[in-house]
């Protein structure tokens, strides 16, 4: 696959062997029972390395997996409100919004409109203002307000980018944590 007539050779110990012909490079690789891999095809002359190509691909795959492991997976959570929501329901839902923003997730706020509420979208705007006021230190509006005949929605993005790491986050809870909660329940009874 290497088309150049002369190549700069690097051996398996990452030491330069100099510029040689492609035939010499292939014979060196054949003697060591390894592959000749083109590392920098645009260099003049192209740089090739004597190595085990399968091992090279495996190491690249491992590096990619390790990099992927440390990335934060942003999830989108949705909370639905109604224009005539009670105070208790509002506080309950706003706590969820705050928790989602603290965890580093985006939140879609949807205000459902039914019947005559569709004629009064300003009721939804009041709910949005309350949500903004209660989450102004945790998140900001991401994009505009999207209006549909049956609902009005908008997005909140977290201001802090940290959040919980995907490896640490334990959705079901560890066995010790679950049993600890069970012991607390037994004591209270």
C-alpha atoms as a PDB file:
ATOM      1  CA  UNK A   1       0.000   0.000   0.000  1.00  0.00           C
ATOM      2  CA  UNK A   2       2.980   2.319   0.454  1.00  0.00           C
ATOM      3  CA  UNK A   3       3.630   4.053  -2.886  1.00  0.00           C
ATOM      4  CA  UNK A   4       6.840   5.985  -2.165  1.00  0.00           C
ATOM      5  CA  UNK A   5      10.171   4.686  -3.419  1.00  0.00           C
ATOM      6  CA  UNK A   6      12.167   6.003  -0.440  1.00  0.00           C
ATOM      7  CA  UNK A   7      10.959   6.067   3.175  1.00  0.00           C
ATOM      8  CA  UNK A   8      12.259   7.195   6.556  1.00  0.00           C
ATOM      9  CA  UNK A   9      12.280   4.105   8.811  1.00  0.00           C
ATOM     10  CA  UNK A  10      11.583   3.945  12.541  1.00  0.00           C
ATOM     11  CA  UNK A  11      12.119   0.558  14.179  1.00  0.00           C
ATOM     12  CA  UNK A  12      10.014  -1.163  16.876  1.00  0.00           C
ATOM     13  CA  UNK A  13      12.056   0.584  19.624  1.00  0.00           C
ATOM     14  CA  UNK A  14      11.173   4.023  18.135  1.00  0.00           C
ATOM     15  CA  UNK A  15      14.727   4.614  16.917  1.00  0.00           C
ATOM     16  CA  UNK A  16      15.336   6.155  13.493  1.00  0.00           C
ATOM     17  CA  UNK A  17      17.151   3.961  11.006  1.00  0.00           C
ATOM     18  CA  UNK A  18      17.409   6.647   8.299  1.00  0.00           C
ATOM     19  CA  UNK A  19      16.134   6.984   4.757  1.00  0.00           C
ATOM     20  CA  UNK A  20      16.138   3.753   2.737  1.00  0.00           C
ATOM     21  CA  UNK A  21      14.340   2.274  -0.237  1.00  0.00           C
ATOM     22  CA  UNK A  22      10.916   0.722   0.228  1.00  0.00           C
ATOM     23  CA  UNK A  23      12.294  -2.733  -0.639  1.00  0.00           C
ATOM     24  CA  UNK A  24      14.927  -2.467   2.122  1.00  0.00           C
ATOM     25  CA  UNK A  25      12.270  -1.350   4.613  1.00  0.00           C
ATOM     26  CA  UNK A  26      10.011  -4.277   3.709  1.00  0.00           C
ATOM     27  CA  UNK A  27      12.880  -6.746   4.048  1.00  0.00           C
ATOM     28  CA  UNK A  28      13.796  -5.308   7.498  1.00  0.00           C
ATOM     29  CA  UNK A  29      10.207  -5.700   8.634  1.00  0.00           C
ATOM     30  CA  UNK A  30      10.080  -9.222   7.215  1.00  0.00           C
ATOM     31  CA  UNK A  31      13.251 -10.236   9.086  1.00  0.00           C
ATOM     32  CA  UNK A  32      11.742  -9.123  12.376  1.00  0.00           C
ATOM     33  CA  UNK A  33       8.395 -10.765  11.504  1.00  0.00           C
ATOM     34  CA  UNK A  34       6.582  -7.425  11.913  1.00  0.00           C
ATOM     35  CA  UNK A  35       4.552  -5.096   9.687  1.00  0.00           C
ATOM     36  CA  UNK A  36       5.618  -1.903   7.935  1.00  0.00           C
ATOM     37  CA  UNK A  37       3.107   0.843   8.742  1.00  0.00           C
ATOM     38  CA  UNK A  38       3.059   4.282   7.123  1.00  0.00           C
ATOM     39  CA  UNK A  39       2.844   6.831   9.967  1.00  0.00           C
ATOM     40  CA  UNK A  40       3.221  10.178   8.152  1.00  0.00           C
ATOM     41  CA  UNK A  41       2.320   9.799   4.467  1.00  0.00           C
ATOM     42  CA  UNK A  42       2.612  13.537   3.659  1.00  0.00           C
ATOM     43  CA  UNK A  43       6.174  13.915   4.957  1.00  0.00           C
ATOM     44  CA  UNK A  44       9.032  14.010   2.473  1.00  0.00           C
ATOM     45  CA  UNK A  45      10.088  11.171   2.441  1.00  0.00           C
ATOM     46  CA  UNK A  46       7.114   9.414   4.069  1.00  0.00           C
ATOM     47  CA  UNK A  47       7.716   8.053   7.575  1.00  0.00           C
ATOM     48  CA  UNK A  48       7.159   4.323   8.146  1.00  0.00           C
ATOM     49  CA  UNK A  49       7.425   2.317  11.322  1.00  0.00           C
ATOM     50  CA  UNK A  50       8.191  -1.341  11.885  1.00  0.00           C
ATOM     51  CA  UNK A  51       5.585  -2.653  14.314  1.00  0.00           C
ATOM     52  CA  UNK A  52       2.890  -5.216  14.974  1.00  0.00           C
ATOM     53  CA  UNK A  53      -0.098  -3.657  13.193  1.00  0.00           C
ATOM     54  CA  UNK A  54      -2.684  -5.648  15.157  1.00  0.00           C
ATOM     55  CA  UNK A  55      -1.177  -4.476  18.441  1.00  0.00           C
ATOM     56  CA  UNK A  56      -1.141  -0.898  17.107  1.00  0.00           C
ATOM     57  CA  UNK A  57      -4.864  -1.041  16.269  1.00  0.00           C
ATOM     58  CA  UNK A  58      -5.612  -2.538  19.690  1.00  0.00           C
ATOM     59  CA  UNK A  59      -3.761   0.294  21.458  1.00  0.00           C
ATOM     60  CA  UNK A  60      -5.611   2.921  19.394  1.00  0.00           C
ATOM     61  CA  UNK A  61      -8.917   1.284  20.316  1.00  0.00           C
ATOM     62  CA  UNK A  62      -7.982   1.243  24.022  1.00  0.00           C
ATOM     63  CA  UNK A  63      -7.007   4.937  23.942  1.00  0.00           C
ATOM     64  CA  UNK A  64     -10.314   5.813  22.288  1.00  0.00           C
ATOM     65  CA  UNK A  65     -12.241   3.801  24.908  1.00  0.00           C
ATOM     66  CA  UNK A  66     -10.354   5.502  27.748  1.00  0.00           C
ATOM     67  CA  UNK A  67     -11.076   8.953  26.323  1.00  0.00           C
ATOM     68  CA  UNK A  68     -14.739   8.052  25.898  1.00  0.00           C
ATOM     69  CA  UNK A  69     -14.958   6.803  29.483  1.00  0.00           C
ATOM     70  CA  UNK A  70     -14.039  10.206  30.906  1.00  0.00           C
ATOM     71  CA  UNK A  71     -16.566  12.149  28.845  1.00  0.00           C
ATOM     72  CA  UNK A  72     -19.731  13.437  30.469  1.00  0.00           C
ATOM     73  CA  UNK A  73     -22.896  12.137  28.897  1.00  0.00           C
ATOM     74  CA  UNK A  74     -25.381  15.013  28.798  1.00  0.00           C
ATOM     75  CA  UNK A  75     -28.920  13.849  29.113  1.00  0.00           C
ATOM     76  CA  UNK A  76     -32.045  15.830  28.324  1.00  0.00           C
ATOM     77  CA  UNK A  77     -34.697  15.784  31.007  1.00  0.00           C
ATOM     78  CA  UNK A  78     -38.217  17.080  30.469  1.00  0.00           C
ATOM     79  CA  UNK A  79     -40.510  18.603  33.082  1.00  0.00           C
ATOM     80  CA  UNK A  80     -44.102  19.436  32.179  1.00  0.00           C
ATOM     81  CA  UNK A  81     -46.060  22.203  33.859  1.00  0.00           C
ATOM     82  CA  UNK A  82     -49.648  23.412  33.563  1.00  0.00           C
ATOM     83  CA  UNK A  83     -50.639  27.094  33.680  1.00  0.00           C
ATOM     84  CA  UNK A  84     -52.842  26.511  36.747  1.00  0.00           C
ATOM     85  CA  UNK A  85     -50.289  24.464  38.686  1.00  0.00           C
ATOM     86  CA  UNK A  86     -50.622  24.376  42.467  1.00  0.00           C
ATOM     87  CA  UNK A  87     -47.855  25.771  44.671  1.00  0.00           C
ATOM     88  CA  UNK A  88     -46.919  22.343  46.043  1.00  0.00           C
ATOM     89  CA  UNK A  89     -46.705  20.774  42.588  1.00  0.00           C
ATOM     90  CA  UNK A  90     -44.653  23.704  41.316  1.00  0.00           C
ATOM     91  CA  UNK A  91     -42.131  23.481  44.166  1.00  0.00           C
ATOM     92  CA  UNK A  92     -41.904  19.704  43.726  1.00  0.00           C
ATOM     93  CA  UNK A  93     -41.170  20.042  40.005  1.00  0.00           C
ATOM     94  CA  UNK A  94     -38.798  22.969  40.398  1.00  0.00           C
ATOM     95  CA  UNK A  95     -36.722  20.877  42.822  1.00  0.00           C
ATOM     96  CA  UNK A  96     -36.395  18.266  40.084  1.00  0.00           C
ATOM     97  CA  UNK A  97     -35.329  20.939  37.581  1.00  0.00           C
ATOM     98  CA  UNK A  98     -32.699  22.227  40.027  1.00  0.00           C
ATOM     99  CA  UNK A  99     -31.399  18.710  40.673  1.00  0.00           C
ATOM    100  CA  UNK A 100     -31.156  17.985  36.937  1.00  0.00           C
ATOM    101  CA  UNK A 101     -29.251  21.239  36.343  1.00  0.00           C
ATOM    102  CA  UNK A 102     -26.917  20.465  39.275  1.00  0.00           C
ATOM    103  CA  UNK A 103     -26.189  17.067  37.706  1.00  0.00           C
ATOM    104  CA  UNK A 104     -25.170  18.823  34.467  1.00  0.00           C
ATOM    105  CA  UNK A 105     -28.199  17.781  32.400  1.00  0.00           C
ATOM    106  CA  UNK A 106     -30.213  19.942  30.039  1.00  0.00           C
ATOM    107  CA  UNK A 107     -33.855  20.430  30.990  1.00  0.00           C
ATOM    108  CA  UNK A 108     -36.748  20.938  28.612  1.00  0.00           C
ATOM    109  CA  UNK A 109     -39.536  22.914  30.265  1.00  0.00           C
ATOM    110  CA  UNK A 110     -42.920  22.303  28.633  1.00  0.00           C
ATOM    111  CA  UNK A 111     -46.105  24.095  29.598  1.00  0.00           C
ATOM    112  CA  UNK A 112     -49.132  22.147  28.451  1.00  0.00           C
ATOM    113  CA  UNK A 113     -52.136  24.178  27.277  1.00  0.00           C
ATOM    114  CA  UNK A 114     -55.654  22.790  27.086  1.00  0.00           C
ATOM    115  CA  UNK A 115     -58.993  24.238  26.075  1.00  0.00           C
ATOM    116  CA  UNK A 116     -59.319  27.957  26.785  1.00  0.00           C
ATOM    117  CA  UNK A 117     -55.725  28.107  28.045  1.00  0.00           C
ATOM    118  CA  UNK A 118     -54.597  28.044  24.400  1.00  0.00           C
ATOM    119  CA  UNK A 119     -56.068  31.538  23.954  1.00  0.00           C
ATOM    120  CA  UNK A 120     -53.958  32.887  26.861  1.00  0.00           C
ATOM    121  CA  UNK A 121     -50.276  32.041  26.245  1.00  0.00           C
ATOM    122  CA  UNK A 122     -49.282  34.810  28.692  1.00  0.00           C
ATOM    123  CA  UNK A 123     -50.134  32.349  31.486  1.00  0.00           C
ATOM    124  CA  UNK A 124     -47.320  30.129  30.201  1.00  0.00           C
ATOM    125  CA  UNK A 125     -44.976  33.134  30.066  1.00  0.00           C
ATOM    126  CA  UNK A 126     -45.605  33.758  33.778  1.00  0.00           C
ATOM    127  CA  UNK A 127     -44.657  30.162  34.579  1.00  0.00           C
ATOM    128  CA  UNK A 128     -41.485  30.553  32.498  1.00  0.00           C
ATOM    129  CA  UNK A 129     -40.575  33.716  34.408  1.00  0.00           C
ATOM    130  CA  UNK A 130     -41.016  31.892  37.728  1.00  0.00           C
ATOM    131  CA  UNK A 131     -38.880  28.984  36.520  1.00  0.00           C
ATOM    132  CA  UNK A 132     -36.151  31.406  35.327  1.00  0.00           C
ATOM    133  CA  UNK A 133     -36.204  33.226  38.650  1.00  0.00           C
ATOM    134  CA  UNK A 134     -35.930  29.990  40.648  1.00  0.00           C
ATOM    135  CA  UNK A 135     -33.107  28.543  38.499  1.00  0.00           C
ATOM    136  CA  UNK A 136     -31.152  31.674  37.497  1.00  0.00           C
ATOM    137  CA  UNK A 137     -28.064  30.643  39.492  1.00  0.00           C
ATOM    138  CA  UNK A 138     -28.066  27.062  38.123  1.00  0.00           C
ATOM    139  CA  UNK A 139     -28.964  27.429  34.448  1.00  0.00           C
ATOM    140  CA  UNK A 140     -29.710  29.712  31.536  1.00  0.00           C
ATOM    141  CA  UNK A 141     -32.161  29.660  28.644  1.00  0.00           C
ATOM    142  CA  UNK A 142     -30.723  27.802  25.681  1.00  0.00           C
ATOM    143  CA  UNK A 143     -32.378  28.964  22.475  1.00  0.00           C
ATOM    144  CA  UNK A 144     -35.769  30.529  22.025  1.00  0.00           C
ATOM    145  CA  UNK A 145     -39.233  29.638  23.176  1.00  0.00           C
ATOM    146  CA  UNK A 146     -40.958  27.135  20.907  1.00  0.00           C
ATOM    147  CA  UNK A 147     -44.700  27.624  20.542  1.00  0.00           C
ATOM    148  CA  UNK A 148     -47.056  24.891  19.432  1.00  0.00           C
ATOM    149  CA  UNK A 149     -50.857  24.898  19.504  1.00  0.00           C
ATOM    150  CA  UNK A 150     -50.965  22.587  22.523  1.00  0.00           C
ATOM    151  CA  UNK A 151     -47.762  23.532  24.363  1.00  0.00           C
ATOM    152  CA  UNK A 152     -45.003  26.074  24.798  1.00  0.00           C
ATOM    153  CA  UNK A 153     -41.498  24.808  25.525  1.00  0.00           C
ATOM    154  CA  UNK A 154     -37.968  26.039  26.083  1.00  0.00           C
ATOM    155  CA  UNK A 155     -34.597  24.628  27.131  1.00  0.00           C
ATOM    156  CA  UNK A 156     -32.461  25.280  30.182  1.00  0.00           C
ATOM    157  CA  UNK A 157     -28.759  24.468  30.109  1.00  0.00           C
ATOM    158  CA  UNK A 158     -26.605  24.202  33.232  1.00  0.00           C
ATOM    159  CA  UNK A 159     -24.208  27.064  33.940  1.00  0.00           C
ATOM    160  CA  UNK A 160     -21.638  24.795  35.566  1.00  0.00           C
ATOM    161  CA  UNK A 161     -20.233  22.151  33.272  1.00  0.00           C
ATOM    162  CA  UNK A 162     -19.122  19.637  35.916  1.00  0.00           C
ATOM    163  CA  UNK A 163     -21.939  17.386  37.005  1.00  0.00           C
ATOM    164  CA  UNK A 164     -21.617  13.832  38.133  1.00  0.00           C
ATOM    165  CA  UNK A 165     -19.345  11.560  36.161  1.00  0.00           C
ATOM    166  CA  UNK A 166     -21.040   8.746  34.257  1.00  0.00           C
ATOM    167  CA  UNK A 167     -18.926   6.153  36.101  1.00  0.00           C
ATOM    168  CA  UNK A 168     -19.822   7.502  39.553  1.00  0.00           C
ATOM    169  CA  UNK A 169     -23.524   7.938  38.909  1.00  0.00           C
ATOM    170  CA  UNK A 170     -25.401   4.951  40.316  1.00  0.00           C
ATOM    171  CA  UNK A 171     -29.033   5.044  39.216  1.00  0.00           C
ATOM    172  CA  UNK A 172     -30.245   2.136  41.339  1.00  0.00           C
ATOM    173  CA  UNK A 173     -28.000   2.703  44.319  1.00  0.00           C
ATOM    174  CA  UNK A 174     -25.380   0.436  45.737  1.00  0.00           C
ATOM    175  CA  UNK A 175     -26.303  -2.509  47.923  1.00  0.00           C
ATOM    176  CA  UNK A 176     -24.855  -0.792  51.021  1.00  0.00           C
ATOM    177  CA  UNK A 177     -26.870   2.347  50.346  1.00  0.00           C
ATOM    178  CA  UNK A 178     -30.107   0.387  49.879  1.00  0.00           C
ATOM    179  CA  UNK A 179     -29.535  -1.639  53.042  1.00  0.00           C
ATOM    180  CA  UNK A 180     -28.624   1.543  54.926  1.00  0.00           C
ATOM    181  CA  UNK A 181     -31.981   3.030  53.927  1.00  0.00           C
ATOM    182  CA  UNK A 182     -33.711  -0.163  55.061  1.00  0.00           C
ATOM    183  CA  UNK A 183     -32.017   0.079  58.489  1.00  0.00           C
ATOM    184  CA  UNK A 184     -33.217   3.680  58.855  1.00  0.00           C
ATOM    185  CA  UNK A 185     -36.770   2.601  58.063  1.00  0.00           C
ATOM    186  CA  UNK A 186     -36.593  -0.205  60.672  1.00  0.00           C
ATOM    187  CA  UNK A 187     -35.419   2.208  63.377  1.00  0.00           C
ATOM    188  CA  UNK A 188     -38.204   4.688  62.684  1.00  0.00           C
ATOM    189  CA  UNK A 189     -40.929   2.079  63.138  1.00  0.00           C
END
